[in-house]
Amino acid sequence: MVLKQDNFGLFRIIVSEMMVNEELRNLYYQQVLEPTLMMAEAFFQEQAAKLGMGEIEARLTVRAISSMMMGLMLEHIMGDSTLIDHWEAVPDVLTNLLLNGLHDKP
């Protein structure tokens, strides 16, 4: 639900305020971002172990995935017409990119 357009208004307000309000930034990190990253790390560490990835590489990979989503949300907010017109396709495109890289689709 976080990725639905209806939530962008709230996301826009929170992100803009976090840029200037250190207390809100710390609260957001502690209460939203850090728990989300930790949950993703736990899942990804299991998968990464199967792939022979080290712990730090797995932790950085989780953050790279997170930053892609935040970046796409910011681009959408800024009015990118491709993202606005095709937002519903973003999860599938990201999943394919993450699982298959830039190779042809399976």
PDB file of N, CA and C in Angstrom:
ATOM      1  N   MET A   1       0.816  -1.206   0.000  1.00  0.00           N
ATOM      2  CA  MET A   1       0.000   0.000   0.000  1.00  0.00           C
ATOM      3  C   MET A   1       0.856   1.266   0.000  1.00  0.00           C
ATOM      4  N   VAL A   2       2.070   1.167   0.547  1.00  0.00           N
ATOM      5  CA  VAL A   2       2.945   2.338   0.591  1.00  0.00           C
ATOM      6  C   VAL A   2       3.239   2.854  -0.807  1.00  0.00           C
ATOM      7  N   LEU A   3       3.236   1.970  -1.784  1.00  0.00           N
ATOM      8  CA  LEU A   3       3.594   2.373  -3.138  1.00  0.00           C
ATOM      9  C   LEU A   3       2.422   2.934  -3.930  1.00  0.00           C
ATOM     10  N   LYS A   4       1.251   2.942  -3.362  1.00  0.00           N
ATOM     11  CA  LYS A   4       0.097   3.489  -4.073  1.00  0.00           C
ATOM     12  C   LYS A   4       0.168   5.005  -4.087  1.00  0.00           C
ATOM     13  N   GLN A   5      -0.271   5.584  -5.167  1.00  0.00           N
ATOM     14  CA  GLN A   5      -0.217   7.031  -5.361  1.00  0.00           C
ATOM     15  C   GLN A   5      -0.875   7.809  -4.236  1.00  0.00           C
ATOM     16  N   ASP A   6      -1.924   7.279  -3.646  1.00  0.00           N
ATOM     17  CA  ASP A   6      -2.647   8.011  -2.616  1.00  0.00           C
ATOM     18  C   ASP A   6      -1.766   8.357  -1.416  1.00  0.00           C
ATOM     19  N   ASN A   7      -0.723   7.599  -1.216  1.00  0.00           N
ATOM     20  CA  ASN A   7       0.150   7.829  -0.079  1.00  0.00           C
ATOM     21  C   ASN A   7       1.269   8.820  -0.376  1.00  0.00           C
ATOM     22  N   PHE A   8       1.411   9.248  -1.615  1.00  0.00           N
ATOM     23  CA  PHE A   8       2.512  10.139  -1.960  1.00  0.00           C
ATOM     24  C   PHE A   8       2.387  11.503  -1.294  1.00  0.00           C
ATOM     25  N   GLY A   9       1.182  11.978  -1.058  1.00  0.00           N
ATOM     26  CA  GLY A   9       1.014  13.270  -0.393  1.00  0.00           C
ATOM     27  C   GLY A   9       1.650  13.253   0.986  1.00  0.00           C
ATOM     28  N   LEU A  10       1.360  12.224   1.754  1.00  0.00           N
ATOM     29  CA  LEU A  10       1.937  12.090   3.091  1.00  0.00           C
ATOM     30  C   LEU A  10       3.442  11.866   3.001  1.00  0.00           C
ATOM     31  N   PHE A  11       3.879  11.028   2.079  1.00  0.00           N
ATOM     32  CA  PHE A  11       5.310  10.769   1.903  1.00  0.00           C
ATOM     33  C   PHE A  11       6.047  12.064   1.569  1.00  0.00           C
ATOM     34  N   ARG A  12       5.473  12.871   0.701  1.00  0.00           N
ATOM     35  CA  ARG A  12       6.082  14.145   0.294  1.00  0.00           C
ATOM     36  C   ARG A  12       6.268  15.069   1.506  1.00  0.00           C
ATOM     37  N   ILE A  13       5.261  15.153   2.335  1.00  0.00           N
ATOM     38  CA  ILE A  13       5.329  16.013   3.527  1.00  0.00           C
ATOM     39  C   ILE A  13       6.401  15.500   4.495  1.00  0.00           C
ATOM     40  N   ILE A  14       6.389  14.207   4.737  1.00  0.00           N
ATOM     41  CA  ILE A  14       7.347  13.635   5.685  1.00  0.00           C
ATOM     42  C   ILE A  14       8.772  13.800   5.185  1.00  0.00           C
ATOM     43  N   VAL A  15       9.016  13.500   3.926  1.00  0.00           N
ATOM     44  CA  VAL A  15      10.377  13.599   3.384  1.00  0.00           C
ATOM     45  C   VAL A  15      10.867  15.046   3.407  1.00  0.00           C
ATOM     46  N   SER A  16      10.032  15.981   3.010  1.00  0.00           N
ATOM     47  CA  SER A  16      10.477  17.373   2.994  1.00  0.00           C
ATOM     48  C   SER A  16      10.760  17.872   4.405  1.00  0.00           C
ATOM     49  N   GLU A  17       9.953  17.460   5.360  1.00  0.00           N
ATOM     50  CA  GLU A  17      10.178  17.884   6.735  1.00  0.00           C
ATOM     51  C   GLU A  17      11.420  17.217   7.330  1.00  0.00           C
ATOM     52  N   MET A  18      11.689  15.970   6.944  1.00  0.00           N
ATOM     53  CA  MET A  18      12.874  15.272   7.446  1.00  0.00           C
ATOM     54  C   MET A  18      14.174  15.953   7.006  1.00  0.00           C
ATOM     55  N   MET A  19      14.141  16.615   5.876  1.00  0.00           N
ATOM     56  CA  MET A  19      15.341  17.278   5.377  1.00  0.00           C
ATOM     57  C   MET A  19      15.775  18.442   6.269  1.00  0.00           C
ATOM     58  N   VAL A  20      14.822  19.020   6.996  1.00  0.00           N
ATOM     59  CA  VAL A  20      15.141  20.184   7.829  1.00  0.00           C
ATOM     60  C   VAL A  20      14.936  19.944   9.324  1.00  0.00           C
ATOM     61  N   ASN A  21      14.334  18.823   9.689  1.00  0.00           N
ATOM     62  CA  ASN A  21      14.003  18.555  11.084  1.00  0.00           C
ATOM     63  C   ASN A  21      14.741  17.299  11.546  1.00  0.00           C
ATOM     64  N   GLU A  22      15.832  17.512  12.274  1.00  0.00           N
ATOM     65  CA  GLU A  22      16.664  16.385  12.708  1.00  0.00           C
ATOM     66  C   GLU A  22      15.900  15.419  13.620  1.00  0.00           C
ATOM     67  N   GLU A  23      15.050  15.942  14.481  1.00  0.00           N
ATOM     68  CA  GLU A  23      14.286  15.078  15.386  1.00  0.00           C
ATOM     69  C   GLU A  23      13.359  14.145  14.598  1.00  0.00           C
ATOM     70  N   LEU A  24      12.648  14.695  13.617  1.00  0.00           N
ATOM     71  CA  LEU A  24      11.773  13.868  12.785  1.00  0.00           C
ATOM     72  C   LEU A  24      12.594  12.866  11.977  1.00  0.00           C
ATOM     73  N   ARG A  25      13.721  13.308  11.461  1.00  0.00           N
ATOM     74  CA  ARG A  25      14.602  12.427  10.683  1.00  0.00           C
ATOM     75  C   ARG A  25      15.042  11.241  11.541  1.00  0.00           C
ATOM     76  N   ASN A  26      15.440  11.509  12.777  1.00  0.00           N
ATOM     77  CA  ASN A  26      15.859  10.429  13.683  1.00  0.00           C
ATOM     78  C   ASN A  26      14.702   9.496  14.014  1.00  0.00           C
ATOM     79  N   LEU A  27      13.531  10.068  14.271  1.00  0.00           N
ATOM     80  CA  LEU A  27      12.353   9.248  14.557  1.00  0.00           C
ATOM     81  C   LEU A  27      11.987   8.366  13.367  1.00  0.00           C
ATOM     82  N   TYR A  28      12.008   8.930  12.170  1.00  0.00           N
ATOM     83  CA  TYR A  28      11.686   8.167  10.960  1.00  0.00           C
ATOM     84  C   TYR A  28      12.683   7.019  10.802  1.00  0.00           C
ATOM     85  N   TYR A  29      13.956   7.331  10.994  1.00  0.00           N
ATOM     86  CA  TYR A  29      14.968   6.288  10.850  1.00  0.00           C
ATOM     87  C   TYR A  29      14.750   5.181  11.885  1.00  0.00           C
ATOM     88  N   GLN A  30      14.565   5.567  13.141  1.00  0.00           N
ATOM     89  CA  GLN A  30      14.440   4.587  14.223  1.00  0.00           C
ATOM     90  C   GLN A  30      13.145   3.781  14.155  1.00  0.00           C
ATOM     91  N   GLN A  31      12.039   4.432  13.781  1.00  0.00           N
ATOM     92  CA  GLN A  31      10.740   3.774  13.851  1.00  0.00           C
ATOM     93  C   GLN A  31      10.248   3.176  12.537  1.00  0.00           C
ATOM     94  N   VAL A  32      10.788   3.661  11.418  1.00  0.00           N
ATOM     95  CA  VAL A  32      10.310   3.167  10.124  1.00  0.00           C
ATOM     96  C   VAL A  32      11.435   2.492   9.334  1.00  0.00           C
ATOM     97  N   LEU A  33      12.461   3.264   9.022  1.00  0.00           N
ATOM     98  CA  LEU A  33      13.486   2.748   8.122  1.00  0.00           C
ATOM     99  C   LEU A  33      14.309   1.621   8.745  1.00  0.00           C
ATOM    100  N   GLU A  34      14.831   1.843   9.937  1.00  0.00           N
ATOM    101  CA  GLU A  34      15.682   0.825  10.563  1.00  0.00           C
ATOM    102  C   GLU A  34      14.953  -0.508  10.756  1.00  0.00           C
ATOM    103  N   PRO A  35      13.721  -0.538  11.314  1.00  0.00           N
ATOM    104  CA  PRO A  35      13.033  -1.830  11.446  1.00  0.00           C
ATOM    105  C   PRO A  35      12.758  -2.493  10.096  1.00  0.00           C
ATOM    106  N   THR A  36      12.446  -1.691   9.093  1.00  0.00           N
ATOM    107  CA  THR A  36      12.197  -2.243   7.759  1.00  0.00           C
ATOM    108  C   THR A  36      13.474  -2.859   7.194  1.00  0.00           C
ATOM    109  N   LEU A  37      14.583  -2.134   7.323  1.00  0.00           N
ATOM    110  CA  LEU A  37      15.860  -2.652   6.835  1.00  0.00           C
ATOM    111  C   LEU A  37      16.259  -3.923   7.585  1.00  0.00           C
ATOM    112  N   MET A  38      16.047  -3.935   8.890  1.00  0.00           N
ATOM    113  CA  MET A  38      16.401  -5.117   9.683  1.00  0.00           C
ATOM    114  C   MET A  38      15.579  -6.338   9.269  1.00  0.00           C
ATOM    115  N   MET A  39      14.301  -6.128   9.009  1.00  0.00           N
ATOM    116  CA  MET A  39      13.442  -7.219   8.578  1.00  0.00           C
ATOM    117  C   MET A  39      13.891  -7.729   7.201  1.00  0.00           C
ATOM    118  N   ALA A  40      14.180  -6.811   6.307  1.00  0.00           N
ATOM    119  CA  ALA A  40      14.651  -7.197   4.970  1.00  0.00           C
ATOM    120  C   ALA A  40      16.009  -7.883   5.050  1.00  0.00           C
ATOM    121  N   GLU A  41      16.878  -7.390   5.923  1.00  0.00           N
ATOM    122  CA  GLU A  41      18.190  -7.999   6.086  1.00  0.00           C
ATOM    123  C   GLU A  41      18.078  -9.445   6.538  1.00  0.00           C
ATOM    124  N   ALA A  42      17.207  -9.709   7.491  1.00  0.00           N
ATOM    125  CA  ALA A  42      17.043 -11.077   8.005  1.00  0.00           C
ATOM    126  C   ALA A  42      16.655 -12.021   6.872  1.00  0.00           C
ATOM    127  N   PHE A  43      15.704 -11.609   6.054  1.00  0.00           N
ATOM    128  CA  PHE A  43      15.294 -12.432   4.919  1.00  0.00           C
ATOM    129  C   PHE A  43      16.422 -12.555   3.908  1.00  0.00           C
ATOM    130  N   PHE A  44      17.042 -11.419   3.576  1.00  0.00           N
ATOM    131  CA  PHE A  44      18.050 -11.411   2.527  1.00  0.00           C
ATOM    132  C   PHE A  44      19.311 -12.153   2.949  1.00  0.00           C
ATOM    133  N   GLN A  45      19.646 -12.138   4.233  1.00  0.00           N
ATOM    134  CA  GLN A  45      20.848 -12.845   4.709  1.00  0.00           C
ATOM    135  C   GLN A  45      20.716 -14.338   4.420  1.00  0.00           C
ATOM    136  N   GLU A  46      19.510 -14.876   4.618  1.00  0.00           N
ATOM    137  CA  GLU A  46      19.289 -16.294   4.311  1.00  0.00           C
ATOM    138  C   GLU A  46      19.517 -16.562   2.832  1.00  0.00           C
ATOM    139  N   GLN A  47      18.957 -15.706   1.999  1.00  0.00           N
ATOM    140  CA  GLN A  47      19.109 -15.883   0.561  1.00  0.00           C
ATOM    141  C   GLN A  47      20.551 -15.657   0.127  1.00  0.00           C
ATOM    142  N   ALA A  48      21.185 -14.650   0.709  1.00  0.00           N
ATOM    143  CA  ALA A  48      22.559 -14.310   0.350  1.00  0.00           C
ATOM    144  C   ALA A  48      23.513 -15.430   0.723  1.00  0.00           C
ATOM    145  N   ALA A  49      23.256 -16.093   1.848  1.00  0.00           N
ATOM    146  CA  ALA A  49      24.116 -17.209   2.262  1.00  0.00           C
ATOM    147  C   ALA A  49      24.099 -18.312   1.212  1.00  0.00           C
ATOM    148  N   LYS A  50      22.938 -18.555   0.633  1.00  0.00           N
ATOM    149  CA  LYS A  50      22.824 -19.565  -0.421  1.00  0.00           C
ATOM    150  C   LYS A  50      23.631 -19.170  -1.656  1.00  0.00           C
ATOM    151  N   LEU A  51      23.779 -17.854  -1.867  1.00  0.00           N
ATOM    152  CA  LEU A  51      24.511 -17.352  -3.030  1.00  0.00           C
ATOM    153  C   LEU A  51      25.988 -17.093  -2.726  1.00  0.00           C
ATOM    154  N   GLY A  52      26.389 -17.336  -1.491  1.00  0.00           N
ATOM    155  CA  GLY A  52      27.778 -17.128  -1.108  1.00  0.00           C
ATOM    156  C   GLY A  52      28.147 -15.668  -0.888  1.00  0.00           C
ATOM    157  N   MET A  53      27.173 -14.835  -0.597  1.00  0.00           N
ATOM    158  CA  MET A  53      27.400 -13.417  -0.346  1.00  0.00           C
ATOM    159  C   MET A  53      27.794 -13.209   1.109  1.00  0.00           C
ATOM    160  N   GLY A  54      28.670 -12.251   1.365  1.00  0.00           N
ATOM    161  CA  GLY A  54      29.040 -11.924   2.725  1.00  0.00           C
ATOM    162  C   GLY A  54      27.981 -11.071   3.396  1.00  0.00           C
ATOM    163  N   GLU A  55      28.078 -10.947   4.724  1.00  0.00           N
ATOM    164  CA  GLU A  55      27.083 -10.200   5.499  1.00  0.00           C
ATOM    165  C   GLU A  55      27.025  -8.732   5.087  1.00  0.00           C
ATOM    166  N   ILE A  56      28.172  -8.090   4.941  1.00  0.00           N
ATOM    167  CA  ILE A  56      28.196  -6.672   4.584  1.00  0.00           C
ATOM    168  C   ILE A  56      27.626  -6.461   3.188  1.00  0.00           C
ATOM    169  N   GLU A  57      27.980  -7.330   2.259  1.00  0.00           N
ATOM    170  CA  GLU A  57      27.439  -7.212   0.898  1.00  0.00           C
ATOM    171  C   GLU A  57      25.916  -7.354   0.910  1.00  0.00           C
ATOM    172  N   ALA A  58      25.401  -8.267   1.718  1.00  0.00           N
ATOM    173  CA  ALA A  58      23.950  -8.443   1.819  1.00  0.00           C
ATOM    174  C   ALA A  58      23.300  -7.197   2.411  1.00  0.00           C
ATOM    175  N   ARG A  59      23.904  -6.636   3.468  1.00  0.00           N
ATOM    176  CA  ARG A  59      23.346  -5.437   4.105  1.00  0.00           C
ATOM    177  C   ARG A  59      23.349  -4.254   3.129  1.00  0.00           C
ATOM    178  N   LEU A  60      24.417  -4.115   2.362  1.00  0.00           N
ATOM    179  CA  LEU A  60      24.478  -3.025   1.386  1.00  0.00           C
ATOM    180  C   LEU A  60      23.480  -3.244   0.252  1.00  0.00           C
ATOM    181  N   THR A  61      23.266  -4.489  -0.126  1.00  0.00           N
ATOM    182  CA  THR A  61      22.301  -4.801  -1.189  1.00  0.00           C
ATOM    183  C   THR A  61      20.890  -4.413  -0.757  1.00  0.00           C
ATOM    184  N   VAL A  62      20.535  -4.703   0.484  1.00  0.00           N
ATOM    185  CA  VAL A  62      19.215  -4.320   1.006  1.00  0.00           C
ATOM    186  C   VAL A  62      19.044  -2.811   0.921  1.00  0.00           C
ATOM    187  N   ARG A  63      20.080  -2.063   1.263  1.00  0.00           N
ATOM    188  CA  ARG A  63      20.006  -0.601   1.202  1.00  0.00           C
ATOM    189  C   ARG A  63      19.935  -0.088  -0.235  1.00  0.00           C
ATOM    190  N   ALA A  64      20.591  -0.766  -1.142  1.00  0.00           N
ATOM    191  CA  ALA A  64      20.508  -0.375  -2.556  1.00  0.00           C
ATOM    192  C   ALA A  64      19.083  -0.564  -3.080  1.00  0.00           C
ATOM    193  N   ILE A  65      18.453  -1.665  -2.689  1.00  0.00           N
ATOM    194  CA  ILE A  65      17.069  -1.911  -3.106  1.00  0.00           C
ATOM    195  C   ILE A  65      16.151  -0.847  -2.505  1.00  0.00           C
ATOM    196  N   SER A  66      16.339  -0.556  -1.229  1.00  0.00           N
ATOM    197  CA  SER A  66      15.547   0.474  -0.560  1.00  0.00           C
ATOM    198  C   SER A  66      15.713   1.830  -1.247  1.00  0.00           C
ATOM    199  N   SER A  67      16.930   2.168  -1.594  1.00  0.00           N
ATOM    200  CA  SER A  67      17.172   3.473  -2.220  1.00  0.00           C
ATOM    201  C   SER A  67      16.570   3.552  -3.623  1.00  0.00           C
ATOM    202  N   MET A  68      16.513   2.421  -4.322  1.00  0.00           N
ATOM    203  CA  MET A  68      15.849   2.436  -5.629  1.00  0.00           C
ATOM    204  C   MET A  68      14.379   2.794  -5.468  1.00  0.00           C
ATOM    205  N   MET A  69      13.732   2.190  -4.466  1.00  0.00           N
ATOM    206  CA  MET A  69      12.308   2.478  -4.252  1.00  0.00           C
ATOM    207  C   MET A  69      12.099   3.934  -3.864  1.00  0.00           C
ATOM    208  N   MET A  70      12.906   4.419  -2.918  1.00  0.00           N
ATOM    209  CA  MET A  70      12.748   5.818  -2.492  1.00  0.00           C
ATOM    210  C   MET A  70      13.013   6.764  -3.663  1.00  0.00           C
ATOM    211  N   GLY A  71      14.009   6.458  -4.456  1.00  0.00           N
ATOM    212  CA  GLY A  71      14.317   7.287  -5.618  1.00  0.00           C
ATOM    213  C   GLY A  71      13.169   7.317  -6.614  1.00  0.00           C
ATOM    214  N   LEU A  72      12.584   6.165  -6.871  1.00  0.00           N
ATOM    215  CA  LEU A  72      11.442   6.112  -7.790  1.00  0.00           C
ATOM    216  C   LEU A  72      10.249   6.887  -7.247  1.00  0.00           C
ATOM    217  N   MET A  73      10.035   6.784  -5.941  1.00  0.00           N
ATOM    218  CA  MET A  73       8.933   7.537  -5.335  1.00  0.00           C
ATOM    219  C   MET A  73       9.177   9.037  -5.470  1.00  0.00           C
ATOM    220  N   LEU A  74      10.404   9.470  -5.239  1.00  0.00           N
ATOM    221  CA  LEU A  74      10.726  10.897  -5.387  1.00  0.00           C
ATOM    222  C   LEU A  74      10.565  11.356  -6.828  1.00  0.00           C
ATOM    223  N   GLU A  75      11.017  10.538  -7.773  1.00  0.00           N
ATOM    224  CA  GLU A  75      10.846  10.898  -9.193  1.00  0.00           C
ATOM    225  C   GLU A  75       9.373  10.997  -9.555  1.00  0.00           C
ATOM    226  N   HIS A  76       8.562  10.098  -9.020  1.00  0.00           N
ATOM    227  CA  HIS A  76       7.116  10.152  -9.272  1.00  0.00           C
ATOM    228  C   HIS A  76       6.541  11.461  -8.729  1.00  0.00           C
ATOM    229  N   ILE A  77       6.927  11.801  -7.497  1.00  0.00           N
ATOM    230  CA  ILE A  77       6.442  13.031  -6.872  1.00  0.00           C
ATOM    231  C   ILE A  77       6.837  14.252  -7.694  1.00  0.00           C
ATOM    232  N   MET A  78       8.030  14.207  -8.303  1.00  0.00           N
ATOM    233  CA  MET A  78       8.502  15.337  -9.107  1.00  0.00           C
ATOM    234  C   MET A  78       7.814  15.420 -10.468  1.00  0.00           C
ATOM    235  N   GLY A  79       6.983  14.432 -10.772  1.00  0.00           N
ATOM    236  CA  GLY A  79       6.165  14.525 -11.974  1.00  0.00           C
ATOM    237  C   GLY A  79       6.642  13.741 -13.173  1.00  0.00           C
ATOM    238  N   ASP A  80       7.500  12.747 -12.988  1.00  0.00           N
ATOM    239  CA  ASP A  80       7.967  11.939 -14.117  1.00  0.00           C
ATOM    240  C   ASP A  80       6.770  11.243 -14.765  1.00  0.00           C
ATOM    241  N   SER A  81       6.503  11.578 -16.017  1.00  0.00           N
ATOM    242  CA  SER A  81       5.289  11.080 -16.682  1.00  0.00           C
ATOM    243  C   SER A  81       5.315   9.571 -16.905  1.00  0.00           C
ATOM    244  N   THR A  82       6.466   8.994 -17.147  1.00  0.00           N
ATOM    245  CA  THR A  82       6.545   7.546 -17.323  1.00  0.00           C
ATOM    246  C   THR A  82       6.141   6.833 -16.044  1.00  0.00           C
ATOM    247  N   LEU A  83       6.656   7.302 -14.920  1.00  0.00           N
ATOM    248  CA  LEU A  83       6.291   6.681 -13.642  1.00  0.00           C
ATOM    249  C   LEU A  83       4.830   6.924 -13.298  1.00  0.00           C
ATOM    250  N   ILE A  84       4.347   8.115 -13.563  1.00  0.00           N
ATOM    251  CA  ILE A  84       2.942   8.421 -13.272  1.00  0.00           C
ATOM    252  C   ILE A  84       2.021   7.526 -14.100  1.00  0.00           C
ATOM    253  N   ASP A  85       2.334   7.372 -15.375  1.00  0.00           N
ATOM    254  CA  ASP A  85       1.478   6.596 -16.273  1.00  0.00           C
ATOM    255  C   ASP A  85       1.582   5.086 -16.065  1.00  0.00           C
ATOM    256  N   HIS A  86       2.717   4.620 -15.520  1.00  0.00           N
ATOM    257  CA  HIS A  86       2.943   3.174 -15.437  1.00  0.00           C
ATOM    258  C   HIS A  86       3.342   2.717 -14.041  1.00  0.00           C
ATOM    259  N   TRP A  87       2.917   3.434 -13.021  1.00  0.00           N
ATOM    260  CA  TRP A  87       3.312   3.123 -11.650  1.00  0.00           C
ATOM    261  C   TRP A  87       2.970   1.697 -11.240  1.00  0.00           C
ATOM    262  N   GLU A  88       1.838   1.199 -11.717  1.00  0.00           N
ATOM    263  CA  GLU A  88       1.421  -0.151 -11.337  1.00  0.00           C
ATOM    264  C   GLU A  88       2.390  -1.213 -11.848  1.00  0.00           C
ATOM    265  N   ALA A  89       3.198  -0.902 -12.859  1.00  0.00           N
ATOM    266  CA  ALA A  89       4.157  -1.864 -13.405  1.00  0.00           C
ATOM    267  C   ALA A  89       5.488  -1.862 -12.656  1.00  0.00           C
ATOM    268  N   VAL A  90       5.725  -0.863 -11.803  1.00  0.00           N
ATOM    269  CA  VAL A  90       7.015  -0.723 -11.119  1.00  0.00           C
ATOM    270  C   VAL A  90       7.394  -1.964 -10.310  1.00  0.00           C
ATOM    271  N   PRO A  91       6.508  -2.535  -9.486  1.00  0.00           N
ATOM    272  CA  PRO A  91       6.929  -3.719  -8.716  1.00  0.00           C
ATOM    273  C   PRO A  91       7.414  -4.872  -9.591  1.00  0.00           C
ATOM    274  N   ASP A  92       6.731  -5.145 -10.692  1.00  0.00           N
ATOM    275  CA  ASP A  92       7.162  -6.231 -11.575  1.00  0.00           C
ATOM    276  C   ASP A  92       8.497  -5.920 -12.249  1.00  0.00           C
ATOM    277  N   VAL A  93       8.675  -4.678 -12.673  1.00  0.00           N
ATOM    278  CA  VAL A  93       9.928  -4.285 -13.318  1.00  0.00           C
ATOM    279  C   VAL A  93      11.090  -4.395 -12.333  1.00  0.00           C
ATOM    280  N   LEU A  94      10.889  -3.906 -11.101  1.00  0.00           N
ATOM    281  CA  LEU A  94      11.947  -4.001 -10.089  1.00  0.00           C
ATOM    282  C   LEU A  94      12.258  -5.446  -9.738  1.00  0.00           C
ATOM    283  N   THR A  95      11.231  -6.262  -9.597  1.00  0.00           N
ATOM    284  CA  THR A  95      11.447  -7.676  -9.282  1.00  0.00           C
ATOM    285  C   THR A  95      12.258  -8.342 -10.378  1.00  0.00           C
ATOM    286  N   ASN A  96      11.893  -8.102 -11.625  1.00  0.00           N
ATOM    287  CA  ASN A  96      12.633  -8.677 -12.739  1.00  0.00           C
ATOM    288  C   ASN A  96      14.072  -8.175 -12.752  1.00  0.00           C
ATOM    289  N   LEU A  97      14.253  -6.886 -12.544  1.00  0.00           N
ATOM    290  CA  LEU A  97      15.595  -6.309 -12.530  1.00  0.00           C
ATOM    291  C   LEU A  97      16.446  -6.932 -11.423  1.00  0.00           C
ATOM    292  N   LEU A  98      15.864  -7.064 -10.245  1.00  0.00           N
ATOM    293  CA  LEU A  98      16.615  -7.608  -9.109  1.00  0.00           C
ATOM    294  C   LEU A  98      16.921  -9.083  -9.271  1.00  0.00           C
ATOM    295  N   LEU A  99      16.002  -9.836  -9.846  1.00  0.00           N
ATOM    296  CA  LEU A  99      16.213 -11.272  -9.992  1.00  0.00           C
ATOM    297  C   LEU A  99      17.037 -11.644 -11.219  1.00  0.00           C
ATOM    298  N   ASN A 100      16.897 -10.848 -12.275  1.00  0.00           N
ATOM    299  CA  ASN A 100      17.540 -11.206 -13.541  1.00  0.00           C
ATOM    300  C   ASN A 100      18.566 -10.196 -14.021  1.00  0.00           C
ATOM    301  N   GLY A 101      18.716  -9.108 -13.314  1.00  0.00           N
ATOM    302  CA  GLY A 101      19.654  -8.083 -13.774  1.00  0.00           C
ATOM    303  C   GLY A 101      19.181  -7.475 -15.080  1.00  0.00           C
ATOM    304  N   LEU A 102      20.109  -7.135 -15.918  1.00  0.00           N
ATOM    305  CA  LEU A 102      19.777  -6.540 -17.209  1.00  0.00           C
ATOM    306  C   LEU A 102      19.738  -7.566 -18.330  1.00  0.00           C
ATOM    307  N   HIS A 103      19.744  -8.855 -17.956  1.00  0.00           N
ATOM    308  CA  HIS A 103      19.659  -9.923 -18.940  1.00  0.00           C
ATOM    309  C   HIS A 103      18.262  -9.949 -19.532  1.00  0.00           C
ATOM    310  N   ASP A 104      18.129 -10.684 -20.621  1.00  0.00           N
ATOM    311  CA  ASP A 104      16.792 -10.844 -21.198  1.00  0.00           C
ATOM    312  C   ASP A 104      15.869 -11.485 -20.175  1.00  0.00           C
ATOM    313  N   LYS A 105      14.582 -11.206 -20.347  1.00  0.00           N
ATOM    314  CA  LYS A 105      13.600 -11.828 -19.455  1.00  0.00           C
ATOM    315  C   LYS A 105      13.649 -13.339 -19.621  1.00  0.00           C
ATOM    316  N   PRO A 106      13.372 -14.063 -18.524  1.00  0.00           N
ATOM    317  CA  PRO A 106      13.417 -15.540 -18.589  1.00  0.00           C
ATOM    318  C   PRO A 106      12.344 -16.098 -19.480  1.00  0.00           C
TER     319      PRO A 106
END
